[in-house]
Amino acid sequence: MKLYYQNKEINLINCTSFYSRLKGFMFQKNIDHALLFNKCNSIHTFFMKEKIDVIMCNNDNKILYYYQNLPKNKIILPKKNVTKVIETPPSYFNININDYIKMK
């Protein structure tokens, strides 16, 4: 699966199992792909080795919230209308709120 935004793409892994959703990018260095969490509207960055970017979307993949260079030990509380969370390497995309992101 791939994530596309403004003529850039990155490999996207859909986290569907309990373990993959729990682990996310915890304990990882040199992040080179993105993670998708469906039916999710909040995250934490405990036990992270690197900063990440967090994109929060609705069902139509409209970007509602964007957190750039989110450091470890942070919590993003549940956000209204968010149904998908995407974690990417830091500063990989130049995200604009209310744009749409594509996944294939």
C-alpha atoms as a PDB file:
ATOM      1  CA  MET A   1       0.000   0.000   0.000  1.00  0.00           C
ATOM      2  CA  LYS A   2       1.214   3.538  -0.740  1.00  0.00           C
ATOM      3  CA  LEU A   3       0.416   6.990   0.620  1.00  0.00           C
ATOM      4  CA  TYR A   4       0.342   9.854  -1.909  1.00  0.00           C
ATOM      5  CA  TYR A   5       0.376  13.602  -1.296  1.00  0.00           C
ATOM      6  CA  GLN A   6       1.562  16.456  -3.543  1.00  0.00           C
ATOM      7  CA  ASN A   7       3.542  14.296  -5.991  1.00  0.00           C
ATOM      8  CA  LYS A   8       5.326  12.414  -3.190  1.00  0.00           C
ATOM      9  CA  GLU A   9       4.698   8.862  -2.087  1.00  0.00           C
ATOM     10  CA  ILE A  10       5.758   6.582   0.742  1.00  0.00           C
ATOM     11  CA  ASN A  11       5.089   2.946   1.619  1.00  0.00           C
ATOM     12  CA  LEU A  12       2.104   2.649   3.940  1.00  0.00           C
ATOM     13  CA  ILE A  13       1.489  -0.219   6.351  1.00  0.00           C
ATOM     14  CA  ASN A  14      -2.075  -0.723   7.574  1.00  0.00           C
ATOM     15  CA  CYS A  15      -1.931  -1.592  11.277  1.00  0.00           C
ATOM     16  CA  THR A  16      -4.826  -3.982  11.827  1.00  0.00           C
ATOM     17  CA  SER A  17      -3.706  -6.376  14.561  1.00  0.00           C
ATOM     18  CA  PHE A  18      -3.742  -5.542  18.244  1.00  0.00           C
ATOM     19  CA  TYR A  19       0.049  -5.861  18.398  1.00  0.00           C
ATOM     20  CA  SER A  20       0.764  -3.689  15.324  1.00  0.00           C
ATOM     21  CA  ARG A  21      -1.592  -0.981  16.619  1.00  0.00           C
ATOM     22  CA  LEU A  22       0.004  -1.118  20.062  1.00  0.00           C
ATOM     23  CA  LYS A  23       3.598  -1.051  18.819  1.00  0.00           C
ATOM     24  CA  GLY A  24       3.378   1.507  15.988  1.00  0.00           C
ATOM     25  CA  PHE A  25       6.819   3.118  15.704  1.00  0.00           C
ATOM     26  CA  MET A  26       7.837   2.410  19.301  1.00  0.00           C
ATOM     27  CA  PHE A  27      11.539   1.511  19.671  1.00  0.00           C
ATOM     28  CA  GLN A  28      12.246   2.126  15.939  1.00  0.00           C
ATOM     29  CA  LYS A  29      15.040   4.204  14.444  1.00  0.00           C
ATOM     30  CA  ASN A  30      15.459   5.361  10.841  1.00  0.00           C
ATOM     31  CA  ILE A  31      11.747   5.368  10.016  1.00  0.00           C
ATOM     32  CA  ASP A  32      11.295   5.030   6.235  1.00  0.00           C
ATOM     33  CA  HIS A  33       7.593   4.213   5.854  1.00  0.00           C
ATOM     34  CA  ALA A  34       4.206   5.347   7.142  1.00  0.00           C
ATOM     35  CA  LEU A  35       1.631   3.635   9.364  1.00  0.00           C
ATOM     36  CA  LEU A  36      -2.161   3.787   9.038  1.00  0.00           C
ATOM     37  CA  PHE A  37      -4.459   3.346  12.034  1.00  0.00           C
ATOM     38  CA  ASN A  38      -8.125   3.045  10.999  1.00  0.00           C
ATOM     39  CA  LYS A  39     -10.888   3.709  13.545  1.00  0.00           C
ATOM     40  CA  CYS A  40      -8.460   5.789  15.575  1.00  0.00           C
ATOM     41  CA  ASN A  41      -8.656   9.403  16.749  1.00  0.00           C
ATOM     42  CA  SER A  42      -5.809   9.733  19.282  1.00  0.00           C
ATOM     43  CA  ILE A  43      -2.194   8.589  19.736  1.00  0.00           C
ATOM     44  CA  HIS A  44       0.779   8.741  22.086  1.00  0.00           C
ATOM     45  CA  THR A  45       4.502   8.814  21.429  1.00  0.00           C
ATOM     46  CA  PHE A  46       5.755   6.976  24.494  1.00  0.00           C
ATOM     47  CA  PHE A  47       8.860   4.814  23.893  1.00  0.00           C
ATOM     48  CA  MET A  48       9.581   6.499  20.556  1.00  0.00           C
ATOM     49  CA  LYS A  49      13.190   6.806  19.413  1.00  0.00           C
ATOM     50  CA  GLU A  50      12.531   9.523  16.802  1.00  0.00           C
ATOM     51  CA  LYS A  51      10.136  12.369  16.160  1.00  0.00           C
ATOM     52  CA  ILE A  52       7.226  11.670  13.800  1.00  0.00           C
ATOM     53  CA  ASP A  53       4.584  13.577  11.867  1.00  0.00           C
ATOM     54  CA  VAL A  54       0.951  12.737  12.589  1.00  0.00           C
ATOM     55  CA  ILE A  55      -1.847  13.263  10.049  1.00  0.00           C
ATOM     56  CA  MET A  56      -5.422  12.919  11.277  1.00  0.00           C
ATOM     57  CA  CYS A  57      -8.163  12.423   8.659  1.00  0.00           C
ATOM     58  CA  ASN A  58     -11.880  11.817   8.360  1.00  0.00           C
ATOM     59  CA  ASN A  59     -13.554   8.994   6.367  1.00  0.00           C
ATOM     60  CA  ASP A  60     -13.035  10.899   3.093  1.00  0.00           C
ATOM     61  CA  ASN A  61      -9.269  11.259   3.743  1.00  0.00           C
ATOM     62  CA  LYS A  62      -9.628  14.987   4.334  1.00  0.00           C
ATOM     63  CA  ILE A  63      -6.802  16.194   6.578  1.00  0.00           C
ATOM     64  CA  LEU A  64      -8.280  17.683   9.740  1.00  0.00           C
ATOM     65  CA  TYR A  65      -5.187  17.913  11.975  1.00  0.00           C
ATOM     66  CA  TYR A  66      -1.450  17.792  11.383  1.00  0.00           C
ATOM     67  CA  TYR A  67       1.315  17.558  13.979  1.00  0.00           C
ATOM     68  CA  GLN A  68       4.835  18.063  12.672  1.00  0.00           C
ATOM     69  CA  ASN A  69       7.975  16.769  14.408  1.00  0.00           C
ATOM     70  CA  LEU A  70       6.039  15.392  17.359  1.00  0.00           C
ATOM     71  CA  PRO A  71       8.592  14.415  20.042  1.00  0.00           C
ATOM     72  CA  LYS A  72       8.496  11.396  22.327  1.00  0.00           C
ATOM     73  CA  ASN A  73       6.281  11.239  25.418  1.00  0.00           C
ATOM     74  CA  LYS A  74       3.413  13.282  23.976  1.00  0.00           C
ATOM     75  CA  ILE A  75      -0.304  12.491  23.892  1.00  0.00           C
ATOM     76  CA  ILE A  76      -2.793  13.648  21.284  1.00  0.00           C
ATOM     77  CA  LEU A  77      -6.201  13.367  22.878  1.00  0.00           C
ATOM     78  CA  PRO A  78      -9.228  12.190  20.839  1.00  0.00           C
ATOM     79  CA  LYS A  79     -10.230  14.611  18.097  1.00  0.00           C
ATOM     80  CA  LYS A  80     -13.775  15.076  16.819  1.00  0.00           C
ATOM     81  CA  ASN A  81     -14.539  13.700  13.319  1.00  0.00           C
ATOM     82  CA  VAL A  82     -11.146  11.943  13.046  1.00  0.00           C
ATOM     83  CA  THR A  83     -11.401   8.310  11.919  1.00  0.00           C
ATOM     84  CA  LYS A  84      -7.857   7.653  10.625  1.00  0.00           C
ATOM     85  CA  VAL A  85      -4.418   8.460  11.941  1.00  0.00           C
ATOM     86  CA  ILE A  86      -1.310   8.286   9.760  1.00  0.00           C
ATOM     87  CA  GLU A  87       2.186   8.396  11.218  1.00  0.00           C
ATOM     88  CA  THR A  88       5.057   9.360   8.891  1.00  0.00           C
ATOM     89  CA  PRO A  89       8.761  10.143   9.171  1.00  0.00           C
ATOM     90  CA  PRO A  90       9.324  13.737  10.326  1.00  0.00           C
ATOM     91  CA  SER A  91       8.895  16.465   7.687  1.00  0.00           C
ATOM     92  CA  TYR A  92       8.347  13.954   4.869  1.00  0.00           C
ATOM     93  CA  PHE A  93       5.283  15.762   3.521  1.00  0.00           C
ATOM     94  CA  ASN A  94       4.417  19.465   3.574  1.00  0.00           C
ATOM     95  CA  ILE A  95       0.825  18.998   4.753  1.00  0.00           C
ATOM     96  CA  ASN A  96      -1.979  21.543   4.423  1.00  0.00           C
ATOM     97  CA  ILE A  97      -5.088  21.254   6.575  1.00  0.00           C
ATOM     98  CA  ASN A  98      -8.302  20.562   4.574  1.00  0.00           C
ATOM     99  CA  ASP A  99      -6.377  18.948   1.699  1.00  0.00           C
ATOM    100  CA  TYR A 100      -7.030  15.326   0.769  1.00  0.00           C
ATOM    101  CA  ILE A 101      -4.514  12.520   0.993  1.00  0.00           C
ATOM    102  CA  LYS A 102      -4.605   9.385  -1.200  1.00  0.00           C
ATOM    103  CA  MET A 103      -4.002   5.776  -0.235  1.00  0.00           C
ATOM    104  CA  LYS A 104      -3.743   2.910  -2.726  1.00  0.00           C
END
